[in-house]
N, C-alpha and C. Protein backbone atom coordinates (compact mmCIF):
# COMPACT_ATOMS: atom_id res chain seq x y z
N MET A 1 142.65 -121.36 -52.12
CA MET A 1 141.79 -121.02 -50.98
C MET A 1 140.64 -122.02 -50.92
N SER A 2 140.37 -122.53 -49.73
CA SER A 2 139.29 -123.49 -49.57
C SER A 2 137.95 -122.81 -49.72
N THR A 3 137.00 -123.49 -50.37
CA THR A 3 135.66 -122.97 -50.54
C THR A 3 134.74 -123.38 -49.40
N GLY A 4 135.24 -124.23 -48.49
CA GLY A 4 134.42 -124.75 -47.42
C GLY A 4 133.67 -126.01 -47.82
N ARG A 5 133.70 -126.35 -49.12
CA ARG A 5 133.05 -127.56 -49.58
C ARG A 5 134.10 -128.67 -49.73
N ALA A 6 133.64 -129.92 -49.67
CA ALA A 6 134.56 -131.04 -49.84
C ALA A 6 135.13 -131.03 -51.25
N GLU A 7 136.42 -131.22 -51.35
CA GLU A 7 137.08 -131.33 -52.64
C GLU A 7 137.67 -132.73 -52.72
N PHE A 8 137.60 -133.34 -53.92
CA PHE A 8 138.00 -134.72 -54.04
C PHE A 8 139.18 -134.89 -54.98
N LEU A 9 140.08 -135.77 -54.58
CA LEU A 9 141.21 -136.12 -55.42
C LEU A 9 140.74 -137.06 -56.53
N PRO A 10 141.44 -137.10 -57.65
CA PRO A 10 141.07 -138.05 -58.69
C PRO A 10 141.10 -139.47 -58.15
N VAL A 11 140.13 -140.28 -58.57
CA VAL A 11 140.08 -141.66 -58.11
C VAL A 11 141.24 -142.42 -58.74
N SER A 12 142.18 -142.82 -57.92
CA SER A 12 143.35 -143.52 -58.44
C SER A 12 143.93 -144.42 -57.36
N VAL A 13 144.10 -145.68 -57.69
CA VAL A 13 144.68 -146.62 -56.75
C VAL A 13 146.13 -146.27 -56.45
N ASP A 14 146.78 -145.55 -57.35
CA ASP A 14 148.19 -145.19 -57.17
C ASP A 14 148.40 -144.39 -55.89
N LEU A 15 147.39 -143.65 -55.46
CA LEU A 15 147.52 -142.85 -54.25
C LEU A 15 147.73 -143.71 -53.01
N LEU A 16 147.24 -144.95 -53.04
CA LEU A 16 147.37 -145.83 -51.88
C LEU A 16 148.58 -146.75 -51.98
N ASP A 17 149.36 -146.62 -53.03
CA ASP A 17 150.61 -147.38 -53.15
C ASP A 17 151.68 -146.66 -52.34
N THR A 18 151.51 -146.68 -51.02
CA THR A 18 152.35 -145.92 -50.11
C THR A 18 152.34 -146.60 -48.75
N ASP A 19 153.08 -146.04 -47.81
CA ASP A 19 153.17 -146.61 -46.46
C ASP A 19 151.83 -146.46 -45.73
N PRO A 20 151.58 -147.27 -44.69
CA PRO A 20 150.27 -147.24 -44.03
C PRO A 20 149.93 -145.93 -43.35
N ILE A 21 150.92 -145.21 -42.83
CA ILE A 21 150.64 -143.93 -42.19
C ILE A 21 150.15 -142.91 -43.21
N SER A 22 150.85 -142.82 -44.33
CA SER A 22 150.44 -141.89 -45.40
C SER A 22 149.07 -142.27 -45.95
N ALA A 23 148.84 -143.58 -46.11
CA ALA A 23 147.54 -144.03 -46.61
C ALA A 23 146.43 -143.69 -45.63
N ALA A 24 146.70 -143.84 -44.33
CA ALA A 24 145.69 -143.52 -43.32
C ALA A 24 145.30 -142.05 -43.40
N ARG A 25 146.27 -141.18 -43.58
CA ARG A 25 145.98 -139.75 -43.69
C ARG A 25 145.17 -139.45 -44.95
N LEU A 26 145.46 -140.17 -46.03
CA LEU A 26 144.69 -139.98 -47.26
C LEU A 26 143.24 -140.40 -47.08
N LEU A 27 143.01 -141.43 -46.28
CA LEU A 27 141.66 -141.96 -46.12
C LEU A 27 140.81 -141.14 -45.15
N LEU A 28 141.45 -140.33 -44.31
CA LEU A 28 140.67 -139.44 -43.45
C LEU A 28 139.93 -138.43 -44.31
N GLY A 29 138.64 -138.35 -44.15
CA GLY A 29 137.83 -137.45 -44.94
C GLY A 29 137.31 -138.06 -46.23
N ALA A 30 137.75 -139.30 -46.54
CA ALA A 30 137.24 -139.97 -47.73
C ALA A 30 135.76 -140.30 -47.56
N VAL A 31 135.05 -140.46 -48.66
CA VAL A 31 133.65 -140.86 -48.63
C VAL A 31 133.55 -142.29 -49.14
N ILE A 32 132.98 -143.15 -48.31
CA ILE A 32 132.78 -144.54 -48.68
C ILE A 32 131.29 -144.76 -48.91
N THR A 33 130.97 -145.46 -49.99
CA THR A 33 129.58 -145.68 -50.38
C THR A 33 129.34 -147.17 -50.54
N CYS A 34 128.26 -147.65 -49.95
CA CYS A 34 127.94 -149.07 -50.02
C CYS A 34 126.44 -149.28 -49.81
N ARG A 35 125.80 -149.91 -50.74
CA ARG A 35 124.41 -150.39 -50.62
C ARG A 35 123.45 -149.35 -50.04
N GLY A 36 123.46 -148.19 -50.69
CA GLY A 36 122.49 -147.16 -50.35
C GLY A 36 122.89 -146.17 -49.29
N VAL A 37 124.13 -146.27 -48.77
CA VAL A 37 124.59 -145.35 -47.73
C VAL A 37 125.97 -144.80 -48.12
N SER A 38 126.15 -143.50 -47.91
CA SER A 38 127.46 -142.88 -48.07
C SER A 38 127.87 -142.24 -46.75
N ALA A 39 129.14 -142.35 -46.41
CA ALA A 39 129.61 -141.82 -45.12
C ALA A 39 131.03 -141.29 -45.28
N ARG A 40 131.32 -140.23 -44.53
CA ARG A 40 132.66 -139.65 -44.54
C ARG A 40 133.50 -140.30 -43.43
N VAL A 41 134.66 -140.81 -43.78
CA VAL A 41 135.53 -141.48 -42.82
C VAL A 41 136.16 -140.44 -41.90
N VAL A 42 135.96 -140.62 -40.59
CA VAL A 42 136.48 -139.64 -39.61
C VAL A 42 137.53 -140.24 -38.67
N GLU A 43 137.73 -141.56 -38.74
CA GLU A 43 138.72 -142.21 -37.86
C GLU A 43 139.25 -143.46 -38.53
N VAL A 44 140.58 -143.64 -38.48
CA VAL A 44 141.23 -144.79 -39.10
C VAL A 44 142.36 -145.29 -38.20
N GLU A 45 142.82 -146.51 -38.49
CA GLU A 45 144.02 -147.05 -37.84
C GLU A 45 144.91 -147.69 -38.90
N ALA A 46 146.20 -147.40 -38.85
CA ALA A 46 147.15 -147.96 -39.80
C ALA A 46 147.74 -149.26 -39.25
N TYR A 47 147.95 -150.23 -40.14
CA TYR A 47 148.56 -151.50 -39.78
C TYR A 47 149.59 -151.90 -40.83
N GLY A 48 150.70 -152.44 -40.36
CA GLY A 48 151.78 -152.84 -41.24
C GLY A 48 151.73 -154.31 -41.58
N GLY A 49 152.91 -154.97 -41.51
CA GLY A 49 152.98 -156.36 -41.95
C GLY A 49 154.00 -157.17 -41.17
N PRO A 50 154.55 -158.20 -41.80
CA PRO A 50 155.47 -159.12 -41.12
C PRO A 50 156.84 -158.49 -40.89
N PRO A 51 157.68 -159.13 -40.05
CA PRO A 51 159.02 -158.60 -39.77
C PRO A 51 159.88 -158.44 -41.01
N SER A 52 159.64 -159.23 -42.03
CA SER A 52 160.45 -159.16 -43.24
C SER A 52 160.08 -158.00 -44.15
N GLY A 53 158.96 -157.33 -43.86
CA GLY A 53 158.50 -156.24 -44.71
C GLY A 53 158.99 -154.89 -44.24
N PRO A 54 158.62 -153.83 -44.94
CA PRO A 54 159.12 -152.49 -44.60
C PRO A 54 158.47 -151.88 -43.37
N TRP A 55 157.31 -152.43 -42.94
CA TRP A 55 156.59 -151.85 -41.80
C TRP A 55 156.19 -152.95 -40.81
N PRO A 56 157.18 -153.56 -40.13
CA PRO A 56 156.86 -154.64 -39.18
C PRO A 56 155.86 -154.16 -38.13
N ASP A 57 154.85 -154.99 -37.88
CA ASP A 57 153.78 -154.58 -36.97
C ASP A 57 153.18 -155.81 -36.31
N ALA A 58 153.54 -156.04 -35.05
CA ALA A 58 153.08 -157.22 -34.33
C ALA A 58 151.57 -157.22 -34.09
N ALA A 59 150.91 -156.07 -34.24
CA ALA A 59 149.46 -156.00 -34.04
C ALA A 59 148.69 -156.30 -35.32
N ALA A 60 149.37 -156.42 -36.44
CA ALA A 60 148.69 -156.63 -37.73
C ALA A 60 148.35 -158.10 -37.94
N HIS A 61 147.23 -158.35 -38.62
CA HIS A 61 146.84 -159.72 -38.96
C HIS A 61 147.86 -160.38 -39.88
N SER A 62 148.65 -159.56 -40.56
CA SER A 62 149.62 -160.07 -41.53
C SER A 62 150.99 -160.34 -40.92
N PHE A 63 151.15 -160.14 -39.62
CA PHE A 63 152.47 -160.20 -39.00
C PHE A 63 153.13 -161.57 -39.16
N ARG A 64 152.35 -162.64 -39.13
CA ARG A 64 152.93 -163.99 -39.23
C ARG A 64 153.01 -164.48 -40.67
N GLY A 65 152.79 -163.59 -41.61
CA GLY A 65 152.89 -163.97 -43.01
C GLY A 65 151.53 -164.24 -43.63
N PRO A 66 151.53 -164.47 -44.95
CA PRO A 66 150.26 -164.66 -45.65
C PRO A 66 149.60 -165.99 -45.33
N GLY A 67 148.27 -165.96 -45.33
CA GLY A 67 147.47 -167.17 -45.12
C GLY A 67 146.15 -167.00 -45.85
N VAL A 68 145.26 -167.94 -45.65
CA VAL A 68 143.96 -167.88 -46.33
C VAL A 68 143.18 -166.65 -45.89
N ARG A 69 143.17 -166.38 -44.59
CA ARG A 69 142.34 -165.30 -44.07
C ARG A 69 142.87 -163.92 -44.44
N ASN A 70 144.19 -163.74 -44.41
CA ASN A 70 144.75 -162.40 -44.57
C ASN A 70 145.39 -162.16 -45.94
N ALA A 71 145.16 -163.05 -46.90
CA ALA A 71 145.84 -162.96 -48.20
C ALA A 71 145.62 -161.63 -48.89
N VAL A 72 144.44 -161.03 -48.71
CA VAL A 72 144.13 -159.77 -49.38
C VAL A 72 145.09 -158.66 -48.93
N MET A 73 145.56 -158.73 -47.67
CA MET A 73 146.47 -157.70 -47.17
C MET A 73 147.78 -157.67 -47.93
N PHE A 74 148.14 -158.78 -48.58
CA PHE A 74 149.38 -158.87 -49.33
C PHE A 74 149.17 -158.56 -50.82
N GLY A 75 147.96 -158.28 -51.19
CA GLY A 75 147.64 -158.04 -52.59
C GLY A 75 147.80 -156.58 -52.97
N PRO A 76 147.27 -156.21 -54.12
CA PRO A 76 147.41 -154.84 -54.60
C PRO A 76 146.64 -153.85 -53.73
N PRO A 77 147.04 -152.60 -53.71
CA PRO A 77 146.33 -151.60 -52.92
C PRO A 77 144.94 -151.32 -53.50
N GLY A 78 144.09 -150.76 -52.64
CA GLY A 78 142.74 -150.42 -53.08
C GLY A 78 141.74 -151.53 -52.95
N ARG A 79 142.15 -152.67 -52.38
CA ARG A 79 141.21 -153.77 -52.14
C ARG A 79 140.67 -153.67 -50.71
N LEU A 80 139.48 -154.21 -50.51
CA LEU A 80 138.88 -154.24 -49.18
C LEU A 80 139.27 -155.54 -48.49
N TYR A 81 139.75 -155.43 -47.27
CA TYR A 81 140.06 -156.60 -46.44
C TYR A 81 139.05 -156.63 -45.30
N THR A 82 138.19 -157.64 -45.27
CA THR A 82 137.18 -157.77 -44.21
C THR A 82 137.53 -158.92 -43.29
N TYR A 83 137.16 -158.78 -42.03
CA TYR A 83 137.34 -159.85 -41.06
C TYR A 83 136.28 -159.70 -39.97
N ARG A 84 136.13 -160.73 -39.17
CA ARG A 84 135.18 -160.68 -38.06
C ARG A 84 135.92 -160.44 -36.75
N SER A 85 135.52 -159.42 -36.03
CA SER A 85 136.08 -159.13 -34.71
C SER A 85 135.34 -159.96 -33.68
N HIS A 86 136.11 -160.73 -32.89
CA HIS A 86 135.53 -161.62 -31.87
C HIS A 86 134.54 -162.61 -32.49
N GLY A 87 134.71 -162.87 -33.78
CA GLY A 87 133.85 -163.82 -34.46
C GLY A 87 132.45 -163.31 -34.72
N ILE A 88 132.19 -162.02 -34.48
CA ILE A 88 130.83 -161.48 -34.58
C ILE A 88 130.74 -160.31 -35.56
N HIS A 89 131.49 -159.23 -35.28
CA HIS A 89 131.33 -157.98 -36.01
C HIS A 89 132.24 -157.94 -37.24
N VAL A 90 131.68 -157.62 -38.39
CA VAL A 90 132.47 -157.44 -39.61
C VAL A 90 133.20 -156.10 -39.53
N CYS A 91 134.48 -156.11 -39.83
CA CYS A 91 135.30 -154.89 -39.87
C CYS A 91 135.95 -154.80 -41.25
N ALA A 92 136.21 -153.56 -41.70
CA ALA A 92 136.73 -153.36 -43.06
C ALA A 92 138.01 -152.54 -43.04
N ASN A 93 138.98 -152.98 -43.82
CA ASN A 93 140.24 -152.28 -44.03
C ASN A 93 140.42 -152.01 -45.52
N VAL A 94 141.15 -150.94 -45.83
CA VAL A 94 141.55 -150.67 -47.20
C VAL A 94 143.03 -151.00 -47.32
N VAL A 95 143.36 -151.91 -48.21
CA VAL A 95 144.74 -152.35 -48.39
C VAL A 95 145.55 -151.23 -49.04
N CYS A 96 146.79 -151.07 -48.57
CA CYS A 96 147.69 -150.07 -49.14
C CYS A 96 149.05 -150.71 -49.37
N GLY A 97 150.01 -149.91 -49.85
CA GLY A 97 151.33 -150.45 -50.15
C GLY A 97 151.36 -151.17 -51.48
N SER A 98 152.53 -151.53 -51.93
CA SER A 98 152.70 -152.19 -53.22
C SER A 98 152.19 -153.63 -53.18
N ASP A 99 151.82 -154.14 -54.32
CA ASP A 99 151.38 -155.53 -54.44
C ASP A 99 152.47 -156.45 -53.92
N GLY A 100 152.11 -157.34 -53.00
CA GLY A 100 153.07 -158.25 -52.39
C GLY A 100 153.59 -157.78 -51.05
N THR A 101 153.29 -156.54 -50.68
CA THR A 101 153.72 -155.98 -49.40
C THR A 101 152.50 -155.73 -48.52
N ALA A 102 152.47 -156.32 -47.34
CA ALA A 102 151.28 -156.25 -46.49
C ALA A 102 151.17 -154.92 -45.75
N ALA A 103 150.01 -154.29 -45.86
CA ALA A 103 149.67 -153.10 -45.08
C ALA A 103 148.20 -152.79 -45.36
N ALA A 104 147.55 -152.20 -44.38
CA ALA A 104 146.14 -151.86 -44.56
C ALA A 104 145.75 -150.79 -43.55
N VAL A 105 144.61 -150.16 -43.82
CA VAL A 105 144.08 -149.13 -42.94
C VAL A 105 142.67 -149.53 -42.51
N LEU A 106 142.48 -149.69 -41.22
CA LEU A 106 141.17 -150.04 -40.66
C LEU A 106 140.28 -148.80 -40.65
N LEU A 107 139.06 -148.94 -41.16
CA LEU A 107 138.08 -147.86 -41.11
C LEU A 107 137.37 -147.95 -39.77
N ARG A 108 137.65 -147.01 -38.86
CA ARG A 108 137.16 -147.11 -37.49
C ARG A 108 135.83 -146.38 -37.26
N ALA A 109 135.60 -145.27 -37.93
CA ALA A 109 134.37 -144.52 -37.70
C ALA A 109 134.09 -143.62 -38.89
N ALA A 110 132.80 -143.33 -39.09
CA ALA A 110 132.39 -142.48 -40.21
C ALA A 110 131.13 -141.71 -39.84
N ALA A 111 130.90 -140.64 -40.56
CA ALA A 111 129.71 -139.81 -40.39
C ALA A 111 128.80 -140.03 -41.59
N ILE A 112 127.58 -140.47 -41.35
CA ILE A 112 126.64 -140.74 -42.43
C ILE A 112 126.28 -139.43 -43.14
N GLU A 113 126.40 -139.43 -44.47
CA GLU A 113 126.09 -138.24 -45.25
C GLU A 113 124.88 -138.41 -46.14
N SER A 114 124.59 -139.61 -46.57
CA SER A 114 123.36 -139.88 -47.31
C SER A 114 122.93 -141.31 -47.02
N GLY A 115 121.62 -141.56 -47.17
CA GLY A 115 121.09 -142.87 -46.84
C GLY A 115 120.90 -143.06 -45.34
N LEU A 116 120.63 -141.95 -44.65
CA LEU A 116 120.50 -142.01 -43.18
C LEU A 116 119.41 -142.99 -42.75
N ALA A 117 118.28 -142.99 -43.43
CA ALA A 117 117.18 -143.89 -43.05
C ALA A 117 117.59 -145.35 -43.22
N VAL A 118 118.36 -145.64 -44.26
CA VAL A 118 118.82 -147.01 -44.49
C VAL A 118 119.78 -147.44 -43.37
N ALA A 119 120.73 -146.56 -43.05
CA ALA A 119 121.68 -146.86 -41.97
C ALA A 119 120.95 -147.02 -40.64
N GLN A 120 119.97 -146.17 -40.39
CA GLN A 120 119.22 -146.24 -39.14
C GLN A 120 118.46 -147.56 -39.03
N ALA A 121 117.88 -148.00 -40.14
CA ALA A 121 117.16 -149.27 -40.14
C ALA A 121 118.10 -150.44 -39.86
N ARG A 122 119.30 -150.36 -40.36
CA ARG A 122 120.27 -151.44 -40.14
C ARG A 122 120.76 -151.48 -38.69
N ARG A 123 120.87 -150.31 -38.07
CA ARG A 123 121.45 -150.22 -36.73
C ARG A 123 120.40 -150.16 -35.61
N GLY A 124 119.17 -149.79 -35.97
CA GLY A 124 118.12 -149.72 -34.96
C GLY A 124 117.68 -148.29 -34.69
N PRO A 125 116.41 -148.10 -34.35
CA PRO A 125 115.86 -146.75 -34.21
C PRO A 125 116.38 -145.97 -33.01
N LEU A 126 116.94 -146.63 -32.02
CA LEU A 126 117.39 -145.93 -30.82
C LEU A 126 118.83 -145.43 -30.91
N VAL A 127 119.54 -145.79 -31.97
CA VAL A 127 120.94 -145.36 -32.12
C VAL A 127 120.98 -143.93 -32.65
N ARG A 128 121.72 -143.07 -31.95
CA ARG A 128 121.85 -141.68 -32.38
C ARG A 128 122.58 -141.59 -33.72
N PRO A 129 122.24 -140.60 -34.55
CA PRO A 129 122.92 -140.47 -35.85
C PRO A 129 124.44 -140.41 -35.75
N THR A 130 124.97 -139.74 -34.72
CA THR A 130 126.43 -139.65 -34.60
C THR A 130 127.07 -140.98 -34.22
N ALA A 131 126.27 -141.93 -33.73
CA ALA A 131 126.81 -143.22 -33.31
C ALA A 131 126.54 -144.34 -34.31
N LEU A 132 125.88 -144.04 -35.41
CA LEU A 132 125.50 -145.08 -36.36
C LEU A 132 126.71 -145.82 -36.91
N ALA A 133 127.79 -145.12 -37.22
CA ALA A 133 128.99 -145.74 -37.79
C ALA A 133 130.20 -145.46 -36.91
N ARG A 134 129.99 -145.37 -35.61
CA ARG A 134 131.09 -145.15 -34.66
C ARG A 134 131.60 -146.50 -34.18
N GLY A 135 132.85 -146.80 -34.53
CA GLY A 135 133.41 -148.12 -34.25
C GLY A 135 133.41 -148.94 -35.53
N PRO A 136 134.44 -149.77 -35.75
CA PRO A 136 134.57 -150.48 -37.04
C PRO A 136 133.44 -151.45 -37.34
N GLY A 137 132.93 -152.14 -36.31
CA GLY A 137 131.81 -153.05 -36.53
C GLY A 137 130.53 -152.31 -36.87
N ASN A 138 130.28 -151.21 -36.17
CA ASN A 138 129.10 -150.41 -36.44
C ASN A 138 129.17 -149.76 -37.82
N LEU A 139 130.36 -149.36 -38.23
CA LEU A 139 130.53 -148.77 -39.55
C LEU A 139 130.09 -149.75 -40.63
N CYS A 140 130.56 -150.98 -40.53
CA CYS A 140 130.19 -151.98 -41.54
C CYS A 140 128.71 -152.30 -41.48
N SER A 141 128.16 -152.37 -40.29
CA SER A 141 126.73 -152.65 -40.14
C SER A 141 125.90 -151.55 -40.78
N ALA A 142 126.23 -150.29 -40.51
CA ALA A 142 125.47 -149.16 -41.04
C ALA A 142 125.54 -149.10 -42.57
N LEU A 143 126.72 -149.41 -43.13
CA LEU A 143 126.89 -149.33 -44.58
C LEU A 143 126.52 -150.61 -45.31
N GLY A 144 126.26 -151.67 -44.58
CA GLY A 144 125.93 -152.94 -45.22
C GLY A 144 127.12 -153.67 -45.79
N ILE A 145 128.33 -153.42 -45.26
CA ILE A 145 129.53 -154.14 -45.68
C ILE A 145 129.52 -155.53 -45.04
N VAL A 146 129.74 -156.56 -45.83
CA VAL A 146 129.67 -157.94 -45.36
C VAL A 146 130.99 -158.66 -45.66
N MET A 147 131.15 -159.83 -45.06
CA MET A 147 132.38 -160.60 -45.25
C MET A 147 132.66 -160.90 -46.71
N GLU A 148 131.59 -161.10 -47.48
CA GLU A 148 131.75 -161.43 -48.90
C GLU A 148 132.34 -160.28 -49.72
N ASP A 149 132.43 -159.10 -49.12
CA ASP A 149 133.07 -157.97 -49.81
C ASP A 149 134.59 -158.05 -49.75
N ASN A 150 135.13 -159.05 -49.08
CA ASN A 150 136.58 -159.22 -49.00
C ASN A 150 137.19 -159.29 -50.39
N GLY A 151 138.21 -158.46 -50.64
CA GLY A 151 138.89 -158.46 -51.92
C GLY A 151 138.30 -157.52 -52.95
N MET A 152 137.19 -156.85 -52.64
CA MET A 152 136.57 -155.93 -53.59
C MET A 152 137.50 -154.75 -53.88
N ASP A 153 137.49 -154.29 -55.12
CA ASP A 153 138.27 -153.13 -55.54
C ASP A 153 137.44 -151.89 -55.26
N VAL A 154 137.84 -151.08 -54.27
CA VAL A 154 137.02 -149.93 -53.87
C VAL A 154 137.09 -148.79 -54.89
N PHE A 155 137.94 -148.91 -55.89
CA PHE A 155 137.98 -147.92 -56.97
C PHE A 155 137.33 -148.44 -58.24
N GLY A 156 136.80 -149.66 -58.20
CA GLY A 156 136.14 -150.22 -59.37
C GLY A 156 134.74 -149.65 -59.55
N PRO A 157 134.37 -149.23 -60.74
CA PRO A 157 133.05 -148.61 -60.95
C PRO A 157 131.88 -149.53 -60.66
N ASP A 158 132.07 -150.83 -60.76
CA ASP A 158 130.98 -151.78 -60.53
C ASP A 158 131.04 -152.42 -59.15
N SER A 159 131.95 -151.97 -58.31
CA SER A 159 132.09 -152.54 -56.98
C SER A 159 130.93 -152.11 -56.09
N PRO A 160 130.44 -153.00 -55.20
CA PRO A 160 129.38 -152.60 -54.25
C PRO A 160 129.90 -151.66 -53.17
N VAL A 161 131.21 -151.58 -53.02
CA VAL A 161 131.83 -150.69 -52.04
C VAL A 161 132.81 -149.80 -52.78
N THR A 162 132.57 -148.49 -52.80
CA THR A 162 133.44 -147.58 -53.51
C THR A 162 133.95 -146.49 -52.59
N LEU A 163 135.07 -145.91 -52.98
CA LEU A 163 135.74 -144.92 -52.15
C LEU A 163 136.11 -143.71 -52.98
N GLN A 164 135.90 -142.55 -52.42
CA GLN A 164 136.32 -141.30 -53.06
C GLN A 164 137.16 -140.54 -52.05
N LEU A 165 138.41 -140.31 -52.38
CA LEU A 165 139.31 -139.66 -51.45
C LEU A 165 139.01 -138.17 -51.34
N GLY A 166 138.99 -137.65 -50.11
CA GLY A 166 138.66 -136.25 -49.88
C GLY A 166 139.87 -135.43 -49.47
N GLU A 167 139.61 -134.21 -49.02
CA GLU A 167 140.70 -133.30 -48.68
C GLU A 167 141.14 -133.42 -47.22
N GLY A 168 140.52 -134.30 -46.46
CA GLY A 168 140.92 -134.48 -45.06
C GLY A 168 140.41 -133.37 -44.17
N GLY A 169 141.23 -132.93 -43.26
CA GLY A 169 140.84 -131.89 -42.31
C GLY A 169 141.80 -131.88 -41.14
N PRO A 170 141.52 -131.07 -40.10
CA PRO A 170 142.38 -131.06 -38.91
C PRO A 170 142.49 -132.46 -38.32
N GLU A 171 143.71 -132.89 -38.09
CA GLU A 171 143.98 -134.29 -37.74
C GLU A 171 144.56 -134.42 -36.34
N SER A 172 144.09 -135.44 -35.62
CA SER A 172 144.69 -135.83 -34.34
C SER A 172 145.17 -137.27 -34.45
N SER A 173 146.07 -137.67 -33.55
CA SER A 173 146.56 -139.04 -33.58
C SER A 173 146.81 -139.55 -32.17
N GLY A 174 146.83 -140.87 -32.03
CA GLY A 174 147.08 -141.49 -30.74
C GLY A 174 147.22 -142.98 -30.91
N PRO A 175 147.35 -143.73 -29.80
CA PRO A 175 147.53 -145.18 -29.87
C PRO A 175 146.30 -145.87 -30.45
N ARG A 176 146.52 -147.03 -31.02
CA ARG A 176 145.43 -147.82 -31.58
C ARG A 176 144.59 -148.44 -30.46
N VAL A 177 143.35 -148.73 -30.78
CA VAL A 177 142.38 -149.23 -29.80
C VAL A 177 142.48 -150.74 -29.66
N GLY A 178 142.58 -151.22 -28.44
CA GLY A 178 142.39 -152.64 -28.15
C GLY A 178 143.49 -153.58 -28.57
N VAL A 179 144.65 -153.08 -29.03
CA VAL A 179 145.73 -153.98 -29.44
C VAL A 179 146.66 -154.24 -28.25
N SER A 180 147.16 -155.46 -28.16
CA SER A 180 148.05 -155.81 -27.06
C SER A 180 149.52 -155.75 -27.46
N GLN A 181 149.80 -155.72 -28.76
CA GLN A 181 151.16 -155.61 -29.27
C GLN A 181 151.31 -154.25 -29.98
N ALA A 182 152.54 -153.71 -29.93
CA ALA A 182 152.78 -152.39 -30.56
C ALA A 182 151.70 -151.40 -30.13
N ALA A 183 151.41 -151.39 -28.85
CA ALA A 183 150.23 -150.68 -28.33
C ALA A 183 150.42 -149.18 -28.18
N ASP A 184 151.66 -148.70 -28.22
CA ASP A 184 151.89 -147.27 -28.03
C ASP A 184 152.08 -146.49 -29.33
N ARG A 185 152.09 -147.18 -30.44
CA ARG A 185 152.27 -146.47 -31.71
C ARG A 185 151.10 -145.52 -31.96
N PRO A 186 151.37 -144.27 -32.32
CA PRO A 186 150.27 -143.33 -32.60
C PRO A 186 149.71 -143.52 -34.01
N TRP A 187 149.27 -144.73 -34.29
CA TRP A 187 148.82 -145.09 -35.63
C TRP A 187 147.30 -145.02 -35.79
N ARG A 188 146.61 -144.51 -34.78
CA ARG A 188 145.18 -144.20 -34.93
C ARG A 188 145.07 -142.70 -35.22
N MET A 189 144.31 -142.35 -36.22
CA MET A 189 144.17 -140.95 -36.62
C MET A 189 142.70 -140.62 -36.77
N TRP A 190 142.34 -139.39 -36.43
CA TRP A 190 140.94 -139.00 -36.55
C TRP A 190 140.83 -137.51 -36.88
N LEU A 191 139.69 -137.14 -37.43
CA LEU A 191 139.41 -135.74 -37.72
C LEU A 191 139.01 -135.06 -36.42
N SER A 192 139.76 -134.06 -36.02
CA SER A 192 139.57 -133.42 -34.72
C SER A 192 138.18 -132.80 -34.62
N GLY A 193 137.58 -132.98 -33.45
CA GLY A 193 136.31 -132.34 -33.14
C GLY A 193 135.09 -133.05 -33.68
N ARG A 194 135.24 -134.20 -34.33
CA ARG A 194 134.09 -134.91 -34.87
C ARG A 194 133.44 -135.78 -33.80
N PRO A 195 132.14 -135.64 -33.57
CA PRO A 195 131.47 -136.42 -32.52
C PRO A 195 131.35 -137.90 -32.85
N GLU A 196 131.57 -138.26 -34.12
CA GLU A 196 131.43 -139.66 -34.51
C GLU A 196 132.66 -140.50 -34.14
N VAL A 197 133.75 -139.86 -33.75
CA VAL A 197 134.99 -140.59 -33.42
C VAL A 197 134.77 -141.45 -32.17
N SER A 198 135.31 -142.66 -32.19
CA SER A 198 135.13 -143.59 -31.06
C SER A 198 136.05 -143.25 -29.90
N ALA A 199 135.73 -143.79 -28.74
CA ALA A 199 136.54 -143.57 -27.54
C ALA A 199 137.76 -144.49 -27.56
N TYR A 200 138.86 -144.02 -26.96
CA TYR A 200 140.06 -144.85 -26.88
C TYR A 200 139.93 -145.83 -25.71
N ARG A 201 140.19 -147.09 -25.99
CA ARG A 201 140.21 -148.12 -24.96
C ARG A 201 141.47 -148.96 -25.15
N ARG A 202 142.32 -148.97 -24.14
CA ARG A 202 143.55 -149.75 -24.20
C ARG A 202 143.27 -151.19 -23.82
N SER A 203 143.89 -152.11 -24.52
CA SER A 203 143.71 -153.52 -24.21
C SER A 203 144.25 -153.82 -22.82
N PRO A 204 143.51 -154.60 -22.00
CA PRO A 204 144.04 -154.97 -20.69
C PRO A 204 145.26 -155.88 -20.78
N ARG A 205 145.49 -156.45 -21.97
CA ARG A 205 146.65 -157.32 -22.17
C ARG A 205 147.88 -156.55 -22.65
N ALA A 206 147.72 -155.26 -22.91
CA ALA A 206 148.85 -154.46 -23.39
C ALA A 206 149.75 -154.07 -22.23
N PRO A 207 151.05 -153.89 -22.49
CA PRO A 207 151.94 -153.38 -21.44
C PRO A 207 151.48 -152.00 -20.97
N ILE A 208 152.00 -151.56 -19.84
CA ILE A 208 151.66 -150.25 -19.35
C ILE A 208 152.12 -149.20 -20.37
N PRO A 209 151.43 -148.05 -20.47
CA PRO A 209 151.83 -147.03 -21.44
C PRO A 209 153.31 -146.67 -21.33
N GLY A 210 153.98 -146.67 -22.46
CA GLY A 210 155.40 -146.37 -22.50
C GLY A 210 156.28 -147.60 -22.52
N ALA A 211 155.66 -148.79 -22.28
CA ALA A 211 156.44 -150.03 -22.24
C ALA A 211 156.31 -150.82 -23.54
N SER A 212 155.59 -150.27 -24.51
CA SER A 212 155.41 -150.94 -25.80
C SER A 212 156.01 -150.06 -26.89
N ASP A 213 156.05 -150.56 -28.11
CA ASP A 213 156.56 -149.72 -29.20
C ASP A 213 155.42 -149.01 -29.89
């Protein structure tokens, strides 16, 4: 019987040695802590890998194979993969799947649980608390996640970015935001009823709904 309080799974990278959909569900409700701020993950997106892998995904950064920028996606699970969206906003993914197999889960939105003043200072005084970590770029800004965190082990005790897996909650799913390939896959998941969840926006370059995979 649930006590109404958050319950946490043992910290183990083995839990993320799984497919991206299962990993995304595990990360919903997780608490991520970085540089004075802790936040509960309320929205994620799953991403696969190249056509030769078990989860081909044309929307994934890893689809064309490993390179300098996306090498972390092909590494062991539990590592942080950071990149810049539109060359400006830092975004963070948690790598999943077996070592050598590309897959990751984008952290799309979170609810600040501690360090609210620190997050507010990073994002600005006019940003509402529910919007501080709404959207992947805002999430990294609020928590102080930077590009140099690429490759960090989120289960390492000395890591500046750590993760504690939670019990999740009522879950909703739908298409991923802003992707032009594989645009209809319901690989975005969020905790139902949370005001911190971002709005869905379909890429103008994506096929009409129902014409993509």
